[in-house]
N, C-alpha and C. Protein backbone atom coordinates (compact mmCIF):
# COMPACT_ATOMS: atom_id res chain seq x y z
N UNK A 1 0.86 -1.19 0.00
CA UNK A 1 0.00 0.00 0.00
C UNK A 1 0.90 1.24 0.00
N UNK A 2 0.61 2.18 -0.88
CA UNK A 2 1.42 3.40 -0.91
C UNK A 2 1.18 4.24 0.34
N UNK A 3 2.11 5.12 0.62
CA UNK A 3 1.95 6.01 1.78
C UNK A 3 0.87 7.04 1.49
N UNK A 4 0.34 7.61 2.55
CA UNK A 4 -0.67 8.66 2.40
C UNK A 4 -0.09 9.83 1.61
N UNK A 5 1.17 10.17 1.85
CA UNK A 5 1.79 11.28 1.12
C UNK A 5 1.81 11.01 -0.39
N UNK A 6 2.07 9.77 -0.78
CA UNK A 6 2.09 9.41 -2.20
C UNK A 6 0.70 9.57 -2.81
N UNK A 7 -0.31 9.14 -2.08
CA UNK A 7 -1.68 9.25 -2.58
C UNK A 7 -2.09 10.71 -2.67
N UNK A 8 -1.81 11.50 -1.64
CA UNK A 8 -2.18 12.92 -1.67
C UNK A 8 -1.44 13.65 -2.79
N UNK A 9 -0.18 13.31 -3.00
CA UNK A 9 0.57 13.93 -4.10
C UNK A 9 -0.08 13.58 -5.44
N UNK A 10 -0.51 12.34 -5.57
CA UNK A 10 -1.11 11.89 -6.83
C UNK A 10 -2.42 12.61 -7.11
N UNK A 11 -3.21 12.86 -6.10
CA UNK A 11 -4.52 13.50 -6.34
C UNK A 11 -4.44 15.02 -6.28
N UNK A 12 -3.26 15.56 -6.03
CA UNK A 12 -3.11 17.01 -5.90
C UNK A 12 -3.33 17.75 -7.22
N UNK A 13 -3.02 17.13 -8.32
CA UNK A 13 -3.13 17.80 -9.62
C UNK A 13 -4.54 17.64 -10.19
N UNK A 14 -5.14 18.73 -10.68
CA UNK A 14 -6.51 18.65 -11.21
C UNK A 14 -6.66 17.67 -12.38
N UNK A 15 -5.65 17.57 -13.23
CA UNK A 15 -5.74 16.63 -14.37
C UNK A 15 -5.79 15.19 -13.85
N UNK A 16 -5.03 14.89 -12.81
CA UNK A 16 -5.05 13.53 -12.27
C UNK A 16 -6.38 13.24 -11.59
N UNK A 17 -6.96 14.23 -10.94
CA UNK A 17 -8.29 14.02 -10.35
C UNK A 17 -9.33 13.77 -11.44
N UNK A 18 -9.21 14.47 -12.56
CA UNK A 18 -10.13 14.26 -13.68
C UNK A 18 -9.92 12.87 -14.30
N UNK A 19 -8.68 12.43 -14.40
CA UNK A 19 -8.40 11.08 -14.90
C UNK A 19 -9.05 10.05 -13.99
N UNK A 20 -8.93 10.26 -12.67
CA UNK A 20 -9.57 9.35 -11.70
C UNK A 20 -11.08 9.32 -11.94
N UNK A 21 -11.67 10.48 -12.15
CA UNK A 21 -13.12 10.55 -12.38
C UNK A 21 -13.51 9.80 -13.66
N UNK A 22 -12.74 9.94 -14.70
CA UNK A 22 -13.03 9.24 -15.95
C UNK A 22 -12.87 7.73 -15.79
N UNK A 23 -11.82 7.32 -15.09
CA UNK A 23 -11.59 5.88 -14.90
C UNK A 23 -12.58 5.27 -13.92
N UNK A 24 -13.19 6.09 -13.10
CA UNK A 24 -14.22 5.58 -12.19
C UNK A 24 -15.45 5.12 -12.98
N UNK A 25 -15.62 5.67 -14.17
CA UNK A 25 -16.75 5.30 -15.03
C UNK A 25 -16.42 4.05 -15.84
N UNK A 26 -15.23 4.02 -16.44
CA UNK A 26 -14.83 2.86 -17.24
C UNK A 26 -13.33 2.89 -17.51
N UNK A 27 -12.79 1.72 -17.82
CA UNK A 27 -11.38 1.63 -18.20
C UNK A 27 -11.19 2.34 -19.53
N UNK A 28 -10.01 2.94 -19.71
CA UNK A 28 -9.73 3.69 -20.93
C UNK A 28 -8.27 3.54 -21.32
N UNK A 29 -8.02 3.74 -22.59
CA UNK A 29 -6.65 3.75 -23.10
C UNK A 29 -6.07 5.15 -22.95
N UNK A 30 -4.77 5.26 -23.14
CA UNK A 30 -4.12 6.57 -23.11
C UNK A 30 -4.71 7.45 -24.21
N UNK A 31 -4.96 6.87 -25.36
CA UNK A 31 -5.53 7.62 -26.49
C UNK A 31 -6.91 8.18 -26.12
N UNK A 32 -7.74 7.36 -25.49
CA UNK A 32 -9.07 7.81 -25.08
C UNK A 32 -8.98 8.91 -24.02
N UNK A 33 -8.04 8.75 -23.10
CA UNK A 33 -7.87 9.78 -22.07
C UNK A 33 -7.35 11.08 -22.67
N UNK A 34 -6.39 10.98 -23.57
CA UNK A 34 -5.82 12.18 -24.21
C UNK A 34 -6.90 12.98 -24.93
N UNK A 35 -7.88 12.30 -25.52
CA UNK A 35 -8.95 12.98 -26.24
C UNK A 35 -9.82 13.85 -25.32
N UNK A 36 -9.76 13.59 -24.01
CA UNK A 36 -10.57 14.33 -23.05
C UNK A 36 -9.88 15.59 -22.51
N UNK A 37 -8.61 15.79 -22.86
CA UNK A 37 -7.82 16.88 -22.28
C UNK A 37 -7.16 17.72 -23.35
N UNK A 38 -6.90 18.98 -23.01
CA UNK A 38 -6.17 19.86 -23.94
C UNK A 38 -4.66 19.77 -23.73
N UNK A 39 -4.17 18.59 -23.36
CA UNK A 39 -2.73 18.41 -23.14
C UNK A 39 -2.26 17.21 -23.96
N UNK A 40 -0.96 17.08 -24.09
CA UNK A 40 -0.38 16.06 -24.97
C UNK A 40 -0.48 14.65 -24.38
N UNK A 41 -0.30 13.68 -25.26
CA UNK A 41 -0.29 12.28 -24.83
C UNK A 41 0.85 12.01 -23.85
N UNK A 42 2.06 12.55 -24.08
CA UNK A 42 3.12 12.32 -23.09
C UNK A 42 2.77 12.90 -21.70
N UNK A 43 2.04 14.00 -21.67
CA UNK A 43 1.63 14.58 -20.39
C UNK A 43 0.62 13.66 -19.69
N UNK A 44 -0.31 13.10 -20.45
CA UNK A 44 -1.28 12.15 -19.89
C UNK A 44 -0.53 10.92 -19.36
N UNK A 45 0.42 10.45 -20.12
CA UNK A 45 1.20 9.28 -19.69
C UNK A 45 1.95 9.56 -18.40
N UNK A 46 2.47 10.76 -18.25
CA UNK A 46 3.16 11.13 -17.01
C UNK A 46 2.18 11.15 -15.83
N UNK A 47 1.00 11.70 -16.05
CA UNK A 47 -0.01 11.70 -14.99
C UNK A 47 -0.40 10.27 -14.61
N UNK A 48 -0.53 9.41 -15.62
CA UNK A 48 -0.86 8.00 -15.34
C UNK A 48 0.26 7.32 -14.55
N UNK A 49 1.51 7.68 -14.83
CA UNK A 49 2.64 7.13 -14.07
C UNK A 49 2.53 7.51 -12.60
N UNK A 50 2.21 8.77 -12.34
CA UNK A 50 2.04 9.24 -10.96
C UNK A 50 0.91 8.49 -10.26
N UNK A 51 -0.20 8.31 -10.95
CA UNK A 51 -1.34 7.59 -10.38
C UNK A 51 -1.01 6.12 -10.15
N UNK A 52 -0.22 5.56 -11.05
CA UNK A 52 0.18 4.15 -10.91
C UNK A 52 1.11 3.97 -9.71
N UNK A 53 2.02 4.92 -9.50
CA UNK A 53 2.93 4.87 -8.35
C UNK A 53 2.15 4.88 -7.03
N UNK A 54 1.01 5.53 -7.02
CA UNK A 54 0.16 5.59 -5.83
C UNK A 54 -0.84 4.44 -5.79
N UNK A 55 -0.71 3.51 -6.73
CA UNK A 55 -1.63 2.36 -6.85
C UNK A 55 -3.08 2.78 -7.06
N UNK A 56 -3.29 3.97 -7.60
CA UNK A 56 -4.65 4.44 -7.88
C UNK A 56 -5.17 3.93 -9.22
N UNK A 57 -4.25 3.56 -10.11
CA UNK A 57 -4.65 2.96 -11.37
C UNK A 57 -3.82 1.71 -11.63
N UNK A 58 -4.39 0.82 -12.39
CA UNK A 58 -3.70 -0.38 -12.85
C UNK A 58 -3.89 -0.43 -14.36
N UNK A 59 -2.98 -1.12 -15.03
CA UNK A 59 -3.10 -1.20 -16.48
C UNK A 59 -3.04 -2.65 -16.92
N UNK A 60 -3.60 -2.86 -18.10
CA UNK A 60 -3.63 -4.20 -18.69
C UNK A 60 -3.52 -4.03 -20.20
N UNK A 61 -2.69 -4.84 -20.81
CA UNK A 61 -2.57 -4.78 -22.26
C UNK A 61 -3.76 -5.51 -22.87
N UNK A 62 -4.46 -4.82 -23.77
CA UNK A 62 -5.58 -5.39 -24.51
C UNK A 62 -5.28 -5.14 -25.98
N UNK A 63 -4.90 -6.19 -26.69
CA UNK A 63 -4.49 -6.02 -28.08
C UNK A 63 -3.22 -5.18 -28.13
N UNK A 64 -3.28 -4.10 -28.87
CA UNK A 64 -2.11 -3.23 -29.02
C UNK A 64 -2.06 -2.09 -28.02
N UNK A 65 -3.12 -1.93 -27.24
CA UNK A 65 -3.16 -0.77 -26.34
C UNK A 65 -3.14 -1.18 -24.87
N UNK A 66 -2.71 -0.25 -24.08
CA UNK A 66 -2.70 -0.39 -22.64
C UNK A 66 -4.00 0.23 -22.12
N UNK A 67 -4.79 -0.51 -21.35
CA UNK A 67 -6.05 0.00 -20.79
C UNK A 67 -5.83 0.24 -19.31
N UNK A 68 -6.27 1.40 -18.85
CA UNK A 68 -6.11 1.79 -17.45
C UNK A 68 -7.46 1.73 -16.75
N UNK A 69 -7.44 1.30 -15.50
CA UNK A 69 -8.65 1.25 -14.69
C UNK A 69 -8.33 1.77 -13.29
N UNK A 70 -9.34 2.27 -12.64
CA UNK A 70 -9.19 2.81 -11.29
C UNK A 70 -9.08 1.66 -10.28
N UNK A 71 -8.17 1.80 -9.35
CA UNK A 71 -8.09 0.90 -8.21
C UNK A 71 -8.21 1.79 -6.98
N UNK A 72 -9.40 2.05 -6.56
CA UNK A 72 -9.70 3.08 -5.58
C UNK A 72 -9.30 2.81 -4.15
N UNK A 73 -8.80 1.62 -3.82
CA UNK A 73 -8.48 1.32 -2.42
C UNK A 73 -7.59 2.36 -1.74
N UNK A 74 -6.56 2.89 -2.41
CA UNK A 74 -5.74 3.91 -1.74
C UNK A 74 -6.50 5.18 -1.37
N UNK A 75 -7.65 5.43 -2.00
CA UNK A 75 -8.43 6.61 -1.66
C UNK A 75 -8.99 6.53 -0.24
N UNK A 76 -9.03 5.33 0.31
CA UNK A 76 -9.48 5.16 1.69
C UNK A 76 -8.62 6.01 2.64
N UNK A 77 -7.35 6.14 2.33
CA UNK A 77 -6.47 6.96 3.16
C UNK A 77 -6.93 8.42 3.19
N UNK A 78 -7.42 8.91 2.06
CA UNK A 78 -7.92 10.28 1.98
C UNK A 78 -9.18 10.41 2.83
N UNK A 79 -10.08 9.44 2.70
CA UNK A 79 -11.31 9.48 3.49
C UNK A 79 -11.04 9.39 4.98
N UNK A 80 -10.13 8.51 5.36
CA UNK A 80 -9.81 8.37 6.78
C UNK A 80 -9.19 9.65 7.33
N UNK A 81 -8.30 10.25 6.57
CA UNK A 81 -7.67 11.49 7.02
C UNK A 81 -8.70 12.61 7.14
N UNK A 82 -9.57 12.73 6.11
CA UNK A 82 -10.54 13.83 6.11
C UNK A 82 -11.65 13.64 7.15
N UNK A 83 -11.91 12.41 7.56
CA UNK A 83 -13.00 12.17 8.51
C UNK A 83 -12.77 12.87 9.85
N UNK A 84 -11.52 13.12 10.20
CA UNK A 84 -11.26 13.82 11.46
C UNK A 84 -11.71 15.28 11.42
N UNK A 85 -12.01 15.79 10.23
CA UNK A 85 -12.43 17.18 10.08
C UNK A 85 -13.89 17.32 9.69
N UNK A 86 -14.63 16.23 9.66
CA UNK A 86 -16.01 16.31 9.19
C UNK A 86 -16.88 17.23 10.04
N UNK A 87 -16.55 17.41 11.30
CA UNK A 87 -17.36 18.29 12.14
C UNK A 87 -17.33 19.74 11.64
N UNK A 88 -16.31 20.11 10.88
CA UNK A 88 -16.20 21.47 10.36
C UNK A 88 -17.11 21.71 9.16
N UNK A 89 -17.32 20.68 8.35
CA UNK A 89 -18.17 20.88 7.18
C UNK A 89 -19.51 20.18 7.30
N UNK A 90 -19.70 19.39 8.34
CA UNK A 90 -20.97 18.70 8.54
C UNK A 90 -21.19 18.50 10.04
N UNK A 91 -21.40 19.60 10.79
CA UNK A 91 -21.48 19.53 12.25
C UNK A 91 -22.54 18.55 12.77
N UNK A 92 -23.65 18.42 12.07
CA UNK A 92 -24.72 17.53 12.55
C UNK A 92 -24.52 16.08 12.10
N UNK A 93 -23.54 15.84 11.23
CA UNK A 93 -23.28 14.48 10.77
C UNK A 93 -24.23 14.00 9.70
N UNK A 94 -24.95 14.92 9.06
CA UNK A 94 -25.94 14.51 8.06
C UNK A 94 -25.33 13.82 6.85
N UNK A 95 -24.28 14.38 6.31
CA UNK A 95 -23.69 13.80 5.10
C UNK A 95 -23.16 12.40 5.36
N UNK A 96 -22.57 12.18 6.50
CA UNK A 96 -22.00 10.86 6.81
C UNK A 96 -23.11 9.88 7.14
N UNK A 97 -24.17 10.34 7.79
CA UNK A 97 -25.29 9.46 8.10
C UNK A 97 -26.08 9.13 6.84
N UNK A 98 -26.03 10.02 5.87
CA UNK A 98 -26.77 9.83 4.63
C UNK A 98 -26.38 8.55 3.91
N UNK A 99 -25.13 8.13 4.06
CA UNK A 99 -24.67 6.94 3.37
C UNK A 99 -25.34 5.68 3.89
N UNK A 100 -25.95 5.75 5.05
CA UNK A 100 -26.60 4.55 5.59
C UNK A 100 -28.12 4.66 5.56
N UNK A 101 -28.66 5.44 4.63
CA UNK A 101 -30.10 5.66 4.59
C UNK A 101 -30.94 4.59 3.91
N UNK A 102 -30.39 3.60 3.21
CA UNK A 102 -31.29 2.65 2.55
C UNK A 102 -32.30 2.02 3.51
N UNK A 103 -31.89 1.62 4.68
CA UNK A 103 -32.82 1.05 5.66
C UNK A 103 -33.81 2.08 6.15
N UNK A 104 -33.32 3.30 6.39
CA UNK A 104 -34.21 4.38 6.84
C UNK A 104 -35.22 4.72 5.77
N UNK A 105 -34.81 4.69 4.51
CA UNK A 105 -35.72 5.03 3.42
C UNK A 105 -36.88 4.04 3.39
N UNK A 106 -36.59 2.76 3.53
CA UNK A 106 -37.64 1.75 3.51
C UNK A 106 -38.59 1.97 4.70
N UNK A 107 -38.04 2.30 5.84
CA UNK A 107 -38.89 2.53 7.02
C UNK A 107 -39.77 3.75 6.79
N UNK A 108 -39.22 4.79 6.20
CA UNK A 108 -40.01 6.00 5.93
C UNK A 108 -41.15 5.67 4.97
N UNK A 109 -40.84 4.88 3.93
CA UNK A 109 -41.87 4.51 2.96
C UNK A 109 -42.96 3.69 3.65
N UNK A 110 -42.57 2.81 4.54
CA UNK A 110 -43.51 1.94 5.24
C UNK A 110 -44.46 2.74 6.10
N UNK A 111 -43.96 3.80 6.71
CA UNK A 111 -44.76 4.62 7.60
C UNK A 111 -45.30 5.88 6.93
N UNK A 112 -45.02 6.01 5.62
CA UNK A 112 -45.54 7.14 4.88
C UNK A 112 -44.85 8.45 5.20
N UNK A 113 -43.65 8.43 5.67
CA UNK A 113 -42.91 9.66 5.98
C UNK A 113 -41.93 9.99 4.90
């Protein structure tokens, strides 16, 4: 597992965060990723190298191209670090409690609330 510093460094650049967002939807080749940005293919490849060093992406050769996919496990370090500050942006805990609402939603529907 990469260090938290490696993960934070990898997500610090806006282009790398956008690459993460794109790969969260589906695996893509360097060519497909380059088409989404106003920067060169070598620049995209460098960003992918940084993300790979942080274990945020993995690649697999498919035919003639390298396909990249998100491996989000290292992002847990970001969530764990930021959770200590949640009281500043969510004092009542609503956003964090919201993730466990499926059971509450069913109960609300059952009681008409």
